[in-house]
Amino acid sequence: MEHDGTGLSVTQAENLEQAQALVNSSPRVRDGMLADSARVVE
């Protein structure tokens, strides 16, 4: 994952399932700190 200094993380995945797996592996998901507004976009 790349961080641009704004609090945004940008990553590329081959498909939606892979993208969701990447998001779900985030430490912020595990510690409950991922914002409700976070989402995967195409």
PDB file of N, CA and C in Angstrom:
ATOM      1  N   MET A   1       0.831  -1.175   0.000  1.00  0.00           N
ATOM      2  CA  MET A   1       0.000   0.000   0.000  1.00  0.00           C
ATOM      3  C   MET A   1       0.873   1.234   0.000  1.00  0.00           C
ATOM      4  N   GLU A   2       0.443   2.225  -0.744  1.00  0.00           N
ATOM      5  CA  GLU A   2       1.156   3.488  -0.781  1.00  0.00           C
ATOM      6  C   GLU A   2       0.411   4.505   0.068  1.00  0.00           C
ATOM      7  N   HIS A   3       1.154   5.334   0.783  1.00  0.00           N
ATOM      8  CA  HIS A   3       0.568   6.398   1.594  1.00  0.00           C
ATOM      9  C   HIS A   3       1.029   7.727   1.021  1.00  0.00           C
ATOM     10  N   ASP A   4       0.086   8.642   0.794  1.00  0.00           N
ATOM     11  CA  ASP A   4       0.451   9.921   0.172  1.00  0.00           C
ATOM     12  C   ASP A   4       0.567  11.058   1.178  1.00  0.00           C
ATOM     13  N   GLY A   5       0.518  10.767   2.475  1.00  0.00           N
ATOM     14  CA  GLY A   5       0.662  11.794   3.492  1.00  0.00           C
ATOM     15  C   GLY A   5      -0.629  12.499   3.868  1.00  0.00           C
ATOM     16  N   THR A   6      -1.731  12.165   3.214  1.00  0.00           N
ATOM     17  CA  THR A   6      -3.013  12.816   3.501  1.00  0.00           C
ATOM     18  C   THR A   6      -3.915  11.951   4.361  1.00  0.00           C
ATOM     19  N   GLY A   7      -3.446  10.775   4.724  1.00  0.00           N
ATOM     20  CA  GLY A   7      -4.303   9.849   5.446  1.00  0.00           C
ATOM     21  C   GLY A   7      -5.010   8.885   4.512  1.00  0.00           C
ATOM     22  N   LEU A   8      -4.753   9.013   3.215  1.00  0.00           N
ATOM     23  CA  LEU A   8      -5.331   8.106   2.230  1.00  0.00           C
ATOM     24  C   LEU A   8      -4.332   7.014   1.906  1.00  0.00           C
ATOM     25  N   SER A   9      -4.834   5.815   1.670  1.00  0.00           N
ATOM     26  CA  SER A   9      -3.984   4.714   1.218  1.00  0.00           C
ATOM     27  C   SER A   9      -4.464   4.300  -0.160  1.00  0.00           C
ATOM     28  N   VAL A  10      -3.523   4.113  -1.066  1.00  0.00           N
ATOM     29  CA  VAL A  10      -3.851   3.734  -2.433  1.00  0.00           C
ATOM     30  C   VAL A  10      -3.170   2.407  -2.726  1.00  0.00           C
ATOM     31  N   THR A  11      -3.951   1.472  -3.215  1.00  0.00           N
ATOM     32  CA  THR A  11      -3.401   0.182  -3.607  1.00  0.00           C
ATOM     33  C   THR A  11      -4.144  -0.299  -4.842  1.00  0.00           C
ATOM     34  N   GLN A  12      -3.577  -1.242  -5.541  1.00  0.00           N
ATOM     35  CA  GLN A  12      -4.198  -1.779  -6.747  1.00  0.00           C
ATOM     36  C   GLN A  12      -4.368  -3.272  -6.570  1.00  0.00           C
ATOM     37  N   ALA A  13      -5.540  -3.767  -6.967  1.00  0.00           N
ATOM     38  CA  ALA A  13      -5.835  -5.192  -6.879  1.00  0.00           C
ATOM     39  C   ALA A  13      -6.366  -5.669  -8.226  1.00  0.00           C
ATOM     40  N   GLU A  14      -6.275  -6.963  -8.440  1.00  0.00           N
ATOM     41  CA  GLU A  14      -6.749  -7.541  -9.694  1.00  0.00           C
ATOM     42  C   GLU A  14      -8.272  -7.609  -9.775  1.00  0.00           C
ATOM     43  N   ASN A  15      -8.933  -7.740  -8.613  1.00  0.00           N
ATOM     44  CA  ASN A  15     -10.389  -7.852  -8.612  1.00  0.00           C
ATOM     45  C   ASN A  15     -10.941  -7.396  -7.259  1.00  0.00           C
ATOM     46  N   LEU A  16     -12.253  -7.322  -7.158  1.00  0.00           N
ATOM     47  CA  LEU A  16     -12.895  -6.838  -5.945  1.00  0.00           C
ATOM     48  C   LEU A  16     -12.569  -7.709  -4.740  1.00  0.00           C
ATOM     49  N   GLU A  17     -12.545  -9.014  -4.925  1.00  0.00           N
ATOM     50  CA  GLU A  17     -12.254  -9.920  -3.811  1.00  0.00           C
ATOM     51  C   GLU A  17     -10.856  -9.679  -3.263  1.00  0.00           C
ATOM     52  N   GLN A  18      -9.895  -9.497  -4.160  1.00  0.00           N
ATOM     53  CA  GLN A  18      -8.525  -9.231  -3.722  1.00  0.00           C
ATOM     54  C   GLN A  18      -8.447  -7.875  -3.019  1.00  0.00           C
ATOM     55  N   ALA A  19      -9.157  -6.888  -3.534  1.00  0.00           N
ATOM     56  CA  ALA A  19      -9.167  -5.566  -2.910  1.00  0.00           C
ATOM     57  C   ALA A  19      -9.749  -5.640  -1.502  1.00  0.00           C
ATOM     58  N   GLN A  20     -10.849  -6.363  -1.330  1.00  0.00           N
ATOM     59  CA  GLN A  20     -11.457  -6.493  -0.008  1.00  0.00           C
ATOM     60  C   GLN A  20     -10.536  -7.245   0.947  1.00  0.00           C
ATOM     61  N   ALA A  21      -9.830  -8.236   0.447  1.00  0.00           N
ATOM     62  CA  ALA A  21      -8.888  -8.975   1.284  1.00  0.00           C
ATOM     63  C   ALA A  21      -7.749  -8.062   1.745  1.00  0.00           C
ATOM     64  N   LEU A  22      -7.271  -7.189   0.861  1.00  0.00           N
ATOM     65  CA  LEU A  22      -6.221  -6.238   1.238  1.00  0.00           C
ATOM     66  C   LEU A  22      -6.717  -5.281   2.313  1.00  0.00           C
ATOM     67  N   VAL A  23      -7.918  -4.753   2.137  1.00  0.00           N
ATOM     68  CA  VAL A  23      -8.480  -3.837   3.130  1.00  0.00           C
ATOM     69  C   VAL A  23      -8.645  -4.549   4.464  1.00  0.00           C
ATOM     70  N   ASN A  24      -9.183  -5.758   4.428  1.00  0.00           N
ATOM     71  CA  ASN A  24      -9.438  -6.493   5.671  1.00  0.00           C
ATOM     72  C   ASN A  24      -8.164  -6.909   6.388  1.00  0.00           C
ATOM     73  N   SER A  25      -7.028  -6.880   5.690  1.00  0.00           N
ATOM     74  CA  SER A  25      -5.759  -7.219   6.328  1.00  0.00           C
ATOM     75  C   SER A  25      -5.113  -6.001   6.996  1.00  0.00           C
ATOM     76  N   SER A  26      -5.734  -4.853   6.851  1.00  0.00           N
ATOM     77  CA  SER A  26      -5.190  -3.617   7.425  1.00  0.00           C
ATOM     78  C   SER A  26      -5.214  -3.653   8.949  1.00  0.00           C
ATOM     79  N   PRO A  27      -4.158  -3.160   9.588  1.00  0.00           N
ATOM     80  CA  PRO A  27      -4.172  -3.064  11.058  1.00  0.00           C
ATOM     81  C   PRO A  27      -5.321  -2.197  11.563  1.00  0.00           C
ATOM     82  N   ARG A  28      -5.749  -1.218  10.784  1.00  0.00           N
ATOM     83  CA  ARG A  28      -6.860  -0.351  11.207  1.00  0.00           C
ATOM     84  C   ARG A  28      -8.173  -1.115  11.257  1.00  0.00           C
ATOM     85  N   VAL A  29      -8.339  -2.100  10.404  1.00  0.00           N
ATOM     86  CA  VAL A  29      -9.542  -2.942  10.468  1.00  0.00           C
ATOM     87  C   VAL A  29      -9.490  -3.789  11.731  1.00  0.00           C
ATOM     88  N   ARG A  30      -8.320  -4.376  11.989  1.00  0.00           N
ATOM     89  CA  ARG A  30      -8.186  -5.260  13.143  1.00  0.00           C
ATOM     90  C   ARG A  30      -8.349  -4.529  14.466  1.00  0.00           C
ATOM     91  N   ASP A  31      -7.922  -3.249  14.531  1.00  0.00           N
ATOM     92  CA  ASP A  31      -8.065  -2.527  15.795  1.00  0.00           C
ATOM     93  C   ASP A  31      -9.325  -1.665  15.850  1.00  0.00           C
ATOM     94  N   GLY A  32     -10.189  -1.794  14.828  1.00  0.00           N
ATOM     95  CA  GLY A  32     -11.471  -1.097  14.834  1.00  0.00           C
ATOM     96  C   GLY A  32     -11.381   0.388  14.515  1.00  0.00           C
ATOM     97  N   MET A  33     -10.264   0.829  13.961  1.00  0.00           N
ATOM     98  CA  MET A  33     -10.065   2.256  13.704  1.00  0.00           C
ATOM     99  C   MET A  33     -10.305   2.665  12.251  1.00  0.00           C
ATOM    100  N   LEU A  34     -10.748   1.741  11.402  1.00  0.00           N
ATOM    101  CA  LEU A  34     -11.034   2.096  10.014  1.00  0.00           C
ATOM    102  C   LEU A  34     -12.353   2.863   9.977  1.00  0.00           C
ATOM    103  N   ALA A  35     -12.357   4.019   9.350  1.00  0.00           N
ATOM    104  CA  ALA A  35     -13.552   4.860   9.288  1.00  0.00           C
ATOM    105  C   ALA A  35     -14.690   4.151   8.553  1.00  0.00           C
ATOM    106  N   ASP A  36     -15.921   4.432   8.986  1.00  0.00           N
ATOM    107  CA  ASP A  36     -17.096   3.877   8.302  1.00  0.00           C
ATOM    108  C   ASP A  36     -17.161   4.344   6.852  1.00  0.00           C
ATOM    109  N   SER A  37     -16.548   5.489   6.560  1.00  0.00           N
ATOM    110  CA  SER A  37     -16.590   6.022   5.205  1.00  0.00           C
ATOM    111  C   SER A  37     -15.557   5.376   4.278  1.00  0.00           C
ATOM    112  N   ALA A  38     -14.679   4.532   4.817  1.00  0.00           N
ATOM    113  CA  ALA A  38     -13.669   3.856   3.994  1.00  0.00           C
ATOM    114  C   ALA A  38     -14.363   2.901   3.035  1.00  0.00           C
ATOM    115  N   ARG A  39     -13.842   2.833   1.816  1.00  0.00           N
ATOM    116  CA  ARG A  39     -14.468   1.954   0.838  1.00  0.00           C
ATOM    117  C   ARG A  39     -13.501   1.588  -0.269  1.00  0.00           C
ATOM    118  N   VAL A  40     -13.855   0.545  -0.991  1.00  0.00           N
ATOM    119  CA  VAL A  40     -13.110   0.129  -2.171  1.00  0.00           C
ATOM    120  C   VAL A  40     -13.790   0.766  -3.373  1.00  0.00           C
ATOM    121  N   VAL A  41     -13.009   1.394  -4.243  1.00  0.00           N
ATOM    122  CA  VAL A  41     -13.568   2.016  -5.441  1.00  0.00           C
ATOM    123  C   VAL A  41     -12.903   1.422  -6.674  1.00  0.00           C
ATOM    124  N   GLU A  42     -13.625   1.457  -7.770  1.00  0.00           N
ATOM    125  CA  GLU A  42     -13.076   0.949  -9.038  1.00  0.00           C
ATOM    126  C   GLU A  42     -12.453   2.090  -9.816  1.00  0.00           C
TER     127      GLU A  42
END
